C-alpha atoms as a PDB file:
ATOM      1  CA  MET A   1      76.950  85.604  67.753  1.00  0.00           C
ATOM      2  CA  GLU A   2      78.325  85.311  71.426  1.00  0.00           C
ATOM      3  CA  ARG A   3      80.328  82.184  71.551  1.00  0.00           C
ATOM      4  CA  GLY A   4      79.130  79.616  74.365  1.00  0.00           C
ATOM      5  CA  LEU A   5      75.528  81.110  74.498  1.00  0.00           C
ATOM      6  CA  VAL A   6      72.647  78.798  73.926  1.00  0.00           C
ATOM      7  CA  SER A   7      69.745  80.204  72.241  1.00  0.00           C
ATOM      8  CA  ILE A   8      66.450  78.617  73.244  1.00  0.00           C
ATOM      9  CA  VAL A   9      63.623  79.047  70.657  1.00  0.00           C
ATOM     10  CA  THR A  10      60.420  78.588  71.785  1.00  0.00           C
ATOM     11  CA  PRO A  11      57.357  79.029  69.723  1.00  0.00           C
ATOM     12  CA  MET A  12      53.866  79.109  71.374  1.00  0.00           C
ATOM     13  CA  TYR A  13      50.069  79.098  70.492  1.00  0.00           C
ATOM     14  CA  ASN A  14      47.733  79.062  73.284  1.00  0.00           C
ATOM     15  CA  GLY A  15      50.771  77.799  75.783  1.00  0.00           C
ATOM     16  CA  GLY A  16      49.409  79.184  78.635  1.00  0.00           C
ATOM     17  CA  ARG A  17      48.547  75.676  80.303  1.00  0.00           C
ATOM     18  CA  PHE A  18      52.378  74.510  80.166  1.00  0.00           C
ATOM     19  CA  VAL A  19      54.589  76.737  79.279  1.00  0.00           C
ATOM     20  CA  GLY A  20      55.260  77.607  82.917  1.00  0.00           C
ATOM     21  CA  GLN A  21      56.885  74.419  83.286  1.00  0.00           C
ATOM     22  CA  THR A  22      58.666  74.942  80.202  1.00  0.00           C
ATOM     23  CA  ILE A  23      60.511  77.804  81.215  1.00  0.00           C
ATOM     24  CA  ASP A  24      60.843  76.720  84.586  1.00  0.00           C
ATOM     25  CA  SER A  25      63.044  73.628  83.312  1.00  0.00           C
ATOM     26  CA  VAL A  26      65.027  76.149  81.153  1.00  0.00           C
ATOM     27  CA  ILE A  27      65.927  78.487  84.363  1.00  0.00           C
ATOM     28  CA  ASN A  28      66.738  75.023  86.344  1.00  0.00           C
ATOM     29  CA  GLN A  29      69.635  74.301  84.148  1.00  0.00           C
ATOM     30  CA  THR A  30      73.002  73.425  85.370  1.00  0.00           C
ATOM     31  CA  TYR A  31      74.453  75.616  82.517  1.00  0.00           C
ATOM     32  CA  PRO A  32      73.745  79.119  83.161  1.00  0.00           C
ATOM     33  CA  LYS A  33      74.680  80.637  79.578  1.00  0.00           C
ATOM     34  CA  TRP A  34      71.408  80.732  77.736  1.00  0.00           C
ATOM     35  CA  GLU A  35      68.815  83.229  76.085  1.00  0.00           C
ATOM     36  CA  MET A  36      65.356  81.944  75.776  1.00  0.00           C
ATOM     37  CA  ILE A  37      63.117  83.397  72.777  1.00  0.00           C
ATOM     38  CA  VAL A  38      59.557  82.566  73.296  1.00  0.00           C
ATOM     39  CA  ILE A  39      57.929  83.789  69.968  1.00  0.00           C
ATOM     40  CA  ASP A  40      54.088  84.164  70.447  1.00  0.00           C
ATOM     41  CA  ASP A  41      52.224  83.195  67.432  1.00  0.00           C
ATOM     42  CA  GLY A  42      49.050  84.979  67.858  1.00  0.00           C
ATOM     43  CA  SER A  43      48.054  83.115  70.975  1.00  0.00           C
ATOM     44  CA  LYS A  44      44.537  83.934  72.479  1.00  0.00           C
ATOM     45  CA  ASP A  45      44.999  82.826  76.081  1.00  0.00           C
ATOM     46  CA  ASN A  46      46.932  83.894  78.903  1.00  0.00           C
ATOM     47  CA  GLY A  47      50.620  82.298  77.635  1.00  0.00           C
ATOM     48  CA  PRO A  48      52.254  85.859  77.083  1.00  0.00           C
ATOM     49  CA  GLU A  49      50.990  87.088  80.592  1.00  0.00           C
ATOM     50  CA  ILE A  50      52.673  84.040  82.082  1.00  0.00           C
ATOM     51  CA  VAL A  51      55.821  84.521  80.100  1.00  0.00           C
ATOM     52  CA  ARG A  52      56.230  88.500  81.090  1.00  0.00           C
ATOM     53  CA  GLU A  53      55.784  87.565  84.489  1.00  0.00           C
ATOM     54  CA  TYR A  54      59.128  85.267  84.147  1.00  0.00           C
ATOM     55  CA  ILE A  55      60.635  87.873  82.212  1.00  0.00           C
ATOM     56  CA  GLN A  56      60.643  90.315  85.263  1.00  0.00           C
ATOM     57  CA  LYS A  57      62.443  87.702  87.087  1.00  0.00           C
ATOM     58  CA  ASP A  58      65.321  86.723  84.637  1.00  0.00           C
ATOM     59  CA  SER A  59      66.469  89.085  81.830  1.00  0.00           C
ATOM     60  CA  ARG A  60      67.316  85.951  79.729  1.00  0.00           C
ATOM     61  CA  ILE A  61      63.924  85.483  78.771  1.00  0.00           C
ATOM     62  CA  LYS A  62      62.430  87.336  75.966  1.00  0.00           C
ATOM     63  CA  LEU A  63      58.876  87.767  74.353  1.00  0.00           C
ATOM     64  CA  VAL A  64      58.358  88.520  71.025  1.00  0.00           C
ATOM     65  CA  SER A  65      54.981  88.583  69.283  1.00  0.00           C
ATOM     66  CA  GLN A  66      53.849  87.670  65.719  1.00  0.00           C
ATOM     67  CA  PRO A  67      50.503  87.134  63.974  1.00  0.00           C
ATOM     68  CA  ASN A  68      49.463  83.725  63.674  1.00  0.00           C
ATOM     69  CA  GLY A  69      51.683  81.964  60.923  1.00  0.00           C
ATOM     70  CA  GLY A  70      52.557  78.574  62.311  1.00  0.00           C
ATOM     71  CA  SER A  71      55.445  76.964  64.066  1.00  0.00           C
ATOM     72  CA  ALA A  72      57.681  77.174  61.463  1.00  0.00           C
ATOM     73  CA  SER A  73      57.295  81.042  60.912  1.00  0.00           C
ATOM     74  CA  ALA A  74      57.323  81.425  64.669  1.00  0.00           C
ATOM     75  CA  ARG A  75      60.756  79.470  64.912  1.00  0.00           C
ATOM     76  CA  ASN A  76      62.417  81.042  61.949  1.00  0.00           C
ATOM     77  CA  ASN A  77      61.435  84.590  63.813  1.00  0.00           C
ATOM     78  CA  GLY A  78      63.479  82.953  66.755  1.00  0.00           C
ATOM     79  CA  ILE A  79      66.254  82.074  64.843  1.00  0.00           C
ATOM     80  CA  ARG A  80      66.710  84.974  63.214  1.00  0.00           C
ATOM     81  CA  LEU A  81      67.074  86.837  66.919  1.00  0.00           C
ATOM     82  CA  ALA A  82      68.929  84.482  68.112  1.00  0.00           C
ATOM     83  CA  GLN A  83      72.472  85.788  69.448  1.00  0.00           C
ATOM     84  CA  GLY A  84      73.718  82.367  70.261  1.00  0.00           C
ATOM     85  CA  GLN A  85      76.419  80.197  68.764  1.00  0.00           C
ATOM     86  CA  TYR A  86      74.281  77.523  69.405  1.00  0.00           C
ATOM     87  CA  ILE A  87      70.484  77.223  68.359  1.00  0.00           C
ATOM     88  CA  ALA A  88      67.816  75.014  70.347  1.00  0.00           C
ATOM     89  CA  LEU A  89      64.354  74.428  69.943  1.00  0.00           C
ATOM     90  CA  LEU A  90      61.887  73.671  72.449  1.00  0.00           C
ATOM     91  CA  ASP A  91      58.460  73.936  72.316  1.00  0.00           C
ATOM     92  CA  SER A  92      55.842  75.501  74.872  1.00  0.00           C
ATOM     93  CA  ASP A  93      54.818  72.054  76.158  1.00  0.00           C
ATOM     94  CA  ASP A  94      58.051  70.213  76.695  1.00  0.00           C
ATOM     95  CA  THR A  95      60.590  70.285  79.302  1.00  0.00           C
ATOM     96  CA  TRP A  96      64.415  69.416  79.687  1.00  0.00           C
ATOM     97  CA  ASN A  97      66.084  67.726  82.530  1.00  0.00           C
ATOM     98  CA  PRO A  98      68.355  70.325  84.853  1.00  0.00           C
ATOM     99  CA  ASP A  99      71.513  68.565  83.101  1.00  0.00           C
ATOM    100  CA  PHE A 100      70.110  69.121  79.683  1.00  0.00           C
ATOM    101  CA  LEU A 101      72.703  71.593  78.249  1.00  0.00           C
ATOM    102  CA  GLU A 102      75.800  70.877  80.205  1.00  0.00           C
ATOM    103  CA  LYS A 103      75.585  67.289  79.141  1.00  0.00           C
ATOM    104  CA  GLN A 104      74.865  67.889  75.343  1.00  0.00           C
ATOM    105  CA  LEU A 105      77.762  70.637  75.264  1.00  0.00           C
ATOM    106  CA  LYS A 106      79.928  68.281  76.909  1.00  0.00           C
ATOM    107  CA  LEU A 107      79.115  65.427  74.580  1.00  0.00           C
ATOM    108  CA  MET A 108      79.504  68.237  71.425  1.00  0.00           C
ATOM    109  CA  LYS A 109      83.131  68.541  72.895  1.00  0.00           C
ATOM    110  CA  GLU A 110      83.840  65.063  73.478  1.00  0.00           C
ATOM    111  CA  LYS A 111      82.759  64.304  70.107  1.00  0.00           C
ATOM    112  CA  ASN A 112      83.704  67.580  68.307  1.00  0.00           C
ATOM    113  CA  ALA A 113      80.141  67.636  66.875  1.00  0.00           C
ATOM    114  CA  LEU A 114      78.200  70.220  65.104  1.00  0.00           C
ATOM    115  CA  LEU A 115      74.669  68.608  65.822  1.00  0.00           C
ATOM    116  CA  VAL A 116      73.846  66.395  68.849  1.00  0.00           C
ATOM    117  CA  TYR A 117      70.923  65.089  70.335  1.00  0.00           C
ATOM    118  CA  SER A 118      69.305  62.976  73.189  1.00  0.00           C
ATOM    119  CA  SER A 119      67.135  60.250  74.383  1.00  0.00           C
ATOM    120  CA  HIS A 120      63.784  61.456  76.052  1.00  0.00           C
ATOM    121  CA  THR A 121      60.550  60.390  77.838  1.00  0.00           C
ATOM    122  CA  ARG A 122      57.232  60.819  76.325  1.00  0.00           C
ATOM    123  CA  ILE A 123      54.591  62.335  78.778  1.00  0.00           C
ATOM    124  CA  ASP A 124      50.586  63.231  78.967  1.00  0.00           C
ATOM    125  CA  GLU A 125      49.200  66.317  80.123  1.00  0.00           C
ATOM    126  CA  HIS A 126      50.062  65.217  83.990  1.00  0.00           C
ATOM    127  CA  SER A 127      53.584  64.886  82.894  1.00  0.00           C
ATOM    128  CA  LYS A 128      52.983  61.257  83.268  1.00  0.00           C
ATOM    129  CA  GLU A 129      55.086  58.683  81.188  1.00  0.00           C
ATOM    130  CA  ILE A 130      52.689  56.722  78.464  1.00  0.00           C
ATOM    131  CA  LEU A 131      55.470  55.148  76.531  1.00  0.00           C
ATOM    132  CA  ARG A 132      58.646  53.477  77.312  1.00  0.00           C
ATOM    133  CA  PRO A 133      61.403  56.390  76.782  1.00  0.00           C
ATOM    134  CA  PHE A 134      62.654  57.338  73.033  1.00  0.00           C
ATOM    135  CA  ILE A 135      66.399  55.849  73.364  1.00  0.00           C
ATOM    136  CA  VAL A 136      68.362  57.147  70.609  1.00  0.00           C
ATOM    137  CA  PRO A 137      71.301  55.839  68.275  1.00  0.00           C
ATOM    138  CA  GLU A 138      74.556  56.909  69.170  1.00  0.00           C
ATOM    139  CA  LYS A 139      75.426  58.576  65.907  1.00  0.00           C
ATOM    140  CA  ILE A 140      73.578  58.918  62.711  1.00  0.00           C
ATOM    141  CA  ASN A 141      74.687  60.318  59.348  1.00  0.00           C
ATOM    142  CA  TYR A 142      72.098  61.628  56.040  1.00  0.00           C
ATOM    143  CA  ARG A 143      71.080  57.991  55.057  1.00  0.00           C
ATOM    144  CA  ASP A 144      70.425  57.259  58.333  1.00  0.00           C
ATOM    145  CA  LEU A 145      67.886  59.778  59.049  1.00  0.00           C
ATOM    146  CA  LEU A 146      66.137  59.516  55.937  1.00  0.00           C
ATOM    147  CA  LYS A 147      65.211  56.295  57.392  1.00  0.00           C
ATOM    148  CA  THR A 148      63.628  57.494  60.611  1.00  0.00           C
ATOM    149  CA  CYS A 149      64.211  60.725  62.331  1.00  0.00           C
ATOM    150  CA  SER A 150      66.188  60.095  65.941  1.00  0.00           C
ATOM    151  CA  ILE A 151      66.308  63.899  66.160  1.00  0.00           C
ATOM    152  CA  SER A 152      63.291  65.023  68.292  1.00  0.00           C
ATOM    153  CA  CYS A 153      62.787  68.845  68.157  1.00  0.00           C
ATOM    154  CA  LEU A 154      63.220  69.171  72.002  1.00  0.00           C
ATOM    155  CA  THR A 155      66.530  67.403  71.879  1.00  0.00           C
ATOM    156  CA  GLY A 156      68.453  68.958  68.944  1.00  0.00           C
ATOM    157  CA  LEU A 157      71.339  71.074  69.906  1.00  0.00           C
ATOM    158  CA  TYR A 158      73.328  72.867  66.692  1.00  0.00           C
ATOM    159  CA  ASP A 159      76.190  74.800  66.684  1.00  0.00           C
ATOM    160  CA  THR A 160      76.177  77.650  63.910  1.00  0.00           C
ATOM    161  CA  GLU A 161      79.856  78.537  64.327  1.00  0.00           C
ATOM    162  CA  LYS A 162      80.879  76.770  60.978  1.00  0.00           C
ATOM    163  CA  PHE A 163      78.165  76.513  58.583  1.00  0.00           C
ATOM    164  CA  GLY A 164      75.878  79.622  60.339  1.00  0.00           C
ATOM    165  CA  LYS A 165      72.214  79.600  60.955  1.00  0.00           C
ATOM    166  CA  VAL A 166      69.824  77.184  58.936  1.00  0.00           C
ATOM    167  CA  TYR A 167      66.093  78.270  58.934  1.00  0.00           C
ATOM    168  CA  LEU A 168      62.784  76.149  58.573  1.00  0.00           C
ATOM    169  CA  ARG A 169      60.690  76.066  55.297  1.00  0.00           C
ATOM    170  CA  GLU A 170      57.533  77.792  56.026  1.00  0.00           C
ATOM    171  CA  ASP A 171      56.020  76.799  52.876  1.00  0.00           C
ATOM    172  CA  MET A 172      55.512  73.195  54.292  1.00  0.00           C
ATOM    173  CA  LYS A 173      52.621  74.717  56.904  1.00  0.00           C
ATOM    174  CA  SER A 174      54.345  72.955  59.976  1.00  0.00           C
ATOM    175  CA  LEU A 175      53.859  69.649  58.691  1.00  0.00           C
ATOM    176  CA  ARG A 176      57.553  67.575  58.301  1.00  0.00           C
ATOM    177  CA  ASP A 177      59.094  71.075  58.595  1.00  0.00           C
ATOM    178  CA  ASP A 178      61.052  70.324  61.807  1.00  0.00           C
ATOM    179  CA  TYR A 179      62.582  67.090  60.007  1.00  0.00           C
ATOM    180  CA  VAL A 180      63.811  68.832  56.741  1.00  0.00           C
ATOM    181  CA  TYR A 181      65.618  71.302  59.183  1.00  0.00           C
ATOM    182  CA  TRP A 182      67.732  68.323  60.973  1.00  0.00           C
ATOM    183  CA  LEU A 183      67.935  66.826  57.164  1.00  0.00           C
ATOM    184  CA  GLU A 184      69.341  70.725  55.922  1.00  0.00           C
ATOM    185  CA  ILE A 185      71.772  70.586  59.175  1.00  0.00           C
ATOM    186  CA  ILE A 186      73.301  66.955  58.479  1.00  0.00           C
ATOM    187  CA  LYS A 187      73.815  67.283  55.165  1.00  0.00           C
ATOM    188  CA  LYS A 188      76.133  70.359  56.293  1.00  0.00           C
ATOM    189  CA  VAL A 189      77.722  68.748  59.500  1.00  0.00           C
ATOM    190  CA  LYS A 190      77.590  65.124  57.962  1.00  0.00           C
ATOM    191  CA  THR A 191      77.331  63.233  61.568  1.00  0.00           C
ATOM    192  CA  ALA A 192      75.099  63.774  64.433  1.00  0.00           C
ATOM    193  CA  TYR A 193      75.723  62.321  67.805  1.00  0.00           C
ATOM    194  CA  GLY A 194      73.279  61.258  70.174  1.00  0.00           C
ATOM    195  CA  ASN A 195      73.190  61.029  73.947  1.00  0.00           C
ATOM    196  CA  LYS A 196      71.587  57.718  75.184  1.00  0.00           C
ATOM    197  CA  GLU A 197      70.762  58.890  78.371  1.00  0.00           C
ATOM    198  CA  VAL A 198      67.346  60.265  78.813  1.00  0.00           C
ATOM    199  CA  LEU A 199      67.900  64.088  79.316  1.00  0.00           C
ATOM    200  CA  ALA A 200      64.341  65.611  78.121  1.00  0.00           C
ATOM    201  CA  ASN A 201      60.627  65.089  78.155  1.00  0.00           C
ATOM    202  CA  TYR A 202      58.230  65.415  75.208  1.00  0.00           C
ATOM    203  CA  ARG A 203      54.617  66.430  75.628  1.00  0.00           C
ATOM    204  CA  ILE A 204      51.834  64.298  74.087  1.00  0.00           C
ATOM    205  CA  LEU A 205      48.656  65.571  73.874  1.00  0.00           C
ATOM    206  CA  GLY A 206      45.590  63.497  72.637  1.00  0.00           C
ATOM    207  CA  PHE A 207      47.761  60.792  72.290  1.00  0.00           C
ATOM    208  CA  SER A 208      46.580  58.436  68.968  1.00  0.00           C
ATOM    209  CA  ALA A 209      50.066  57.180  67.323  1.00  0.00           C
ATOM    210  CA  SER A 210      47.784  55.410  64.501  1.00  0.00           C
ATOM    211  CA  ARG A 211      45.883  59.174  63.739  1.00  0.00           C
ATOM    212  CA  LYS A 212      49.054  61.090  64.352  1.00  0.00           C
ATOM    213  CA  LYS A 213      51.348  58.712  61.640  1.00  0.00           C
ATOM    214  CA  LYS A 214      48.213  58.381  58.899  1.00  0.00           C
ATOM    215  CA  LYS A 215      48.244  62.451  58.667  1.00  0.00           C
ATOM    216  CA  VAL A 216      52.075  62.847  57.824  1.00  0.00           C
ATOM    217  CA  ILE A 217      52.449  59.957  55.624  1.00  0.00           C
ATOM    218  CA  ALA A 218      51.745  62.083  52.363  1.00  0.00           C
ATOM    219  CA  PRO A 219      53.613  65.020  53.934  1.00  0.00           C
ATOM    220  CA  HIS A 220      56.879  62.587  54.686  1.00  0.00           C
ATOM    221  CA  PHE A 221      56.735  61.457  51.442  1.00  0.00           C
ATOM    222  CA  LYS A 222      57.122  64.517  49.969  1.00  0.00           C
ATOM    223  CA  VAL A 223      60.126  65.487  52.199  1.00  0.00           C
ATOM    224  CA  LEU A 224      61.863  61.978  50.493  1.00  0.00           C
ATOM    225  CA  TYR A 225      60.337  62.501  46.673  1.00  0.00           C
ATOM    226  CA  LYS A 226      59.789  66.335  46.253  1.00  0.00           C
ATOM    227  CA  ILE A 227      62.490  67.967  48.382  1.00  0.00           C
ATOM    228  CA  GLU A 228      65.250  65.634  49.174  1.00  0.00           C
ATOM    229  CA  LYS A 229      64.842  63.895  45.389  1.00  0.00           C
ATOM    230  CA  VAL A 230      66.137  60.618  46.327  1.00  0.00           C
ATOM    231  CA  GLY A 231      63.998  59.243  43.568  1.00  0.00           C
ATOM    232  CA  LEU A 232      60.959  57.218  43.546  1.00  0.00           C
ATOM    233  CA  LEU A 233      61.898  53.523  44.258  1.00  0.00           C
ATOM    234  CA  PRO A 234      64.304  55.011  46.988  1.00  0.00           C
ATOM    235  CA  SER A 235      61.559  57.308  48.566  1.00  0.00           C
ATOM    236  CA  LEU A 236      59.323  54.076  48.875  1.00  0.00           C
ATOM    237  CA  TYR A 237      61.935  52.229  50.400  1.00  0.00           C
ATOM    238  CA  TYR A 238      62.336  54.969  53.114  1.00  0.00           C
ATOM    239  CA  LEU A 239      59.147  55.479  53.505  1.00  0.00           C
ATOM    240  CA  THR A 240      58.728  51.943  54.551  1.00  0.00           C
ATOM    241  CA  ASN A 241      61.562  51.994  56.743  1.00  0.00           C
ATOM    242  CA  TRP A 242      59.833  55.040  58.505  1.00  0.00           C
ATOM    243  CA  ALA A 243      56.704  53.337  59.060  1.00  0.00           C
ATOM    244  CA  VAL A 244      57.968  50.188  60.579  1.00  0.00           C
ATOM    245  CA  ILE A 245      60.505  51.875  62.813  1.00  0.00           C
ATOM    246  CA  SER A 246      57.356  54.373  63.704  1.00  0.00           C
ATOM    247  CA  TYR A 247      55.292  51.802  64.781  1.00  0.00           C
ATOM    248  CA  PHE A 248      57.324  50.165  67.226  1.00  0.00           C
ATOM    249  CA  LYS A 249      58.612  53.844  68.475  1.00  0.00           C
ATOM    250  CA  TYR A 250      54.876  54.446  69.581  1.00  0.00           C
ATOM    251  CA  LYS A 251      54.313  51.080  70.456  1.00  0.00           C
ATOM    252  CA  LYS A 252      53.126  50.616  74.147  1.00  0.00           C
END
């Protein structure tokens, strides 16, 4: 582990359309000590070629190819290869503002925290904002995270120094695996801290909040009841909280 180094893990499947914007947002970071590990998950487009072009310009970027196994598999592959003290997950169509890493690391230091996250915009394929920015709470614990996931994948930053690396559950077939990842981490660190400042941009393609949420109701309940084992009634309580909060989260 290299102290101070941020390992950015980026799974990519047919990401040629946006991955250049994602990489540019990393290269433009005011905090320079990072490595970006792009895991190509069996892409059939020109995404890998675009990444290789960037590698020629910046040695901090790496490309690893694997047979298609889903985002959890790709992220785990990247986490295994990560050399940094800090782990960040950034999908191949999302972007960071230039001061994302600098401000998140500053927050970590101020709060003596091991896990931080931030507010972000929601954008479409043309990088146009389609919803109000998602503004996060300043602090959450495990129970808060059961009620609703305030940690979006593109803004979570985890310091591995005390508890080591944490991996995603590949058996979940990339449905709510990121949510379980944050739950596993927060059970170790106890408290996570949020930056209310908007520091990142989450891209939503083919946006339909109702369709998206209906698809994950069953997997979300499974997380609460089968994986976290909080009991049937608490699972229904937390599921209801999540559903109500999500409705307002995606309301235009």
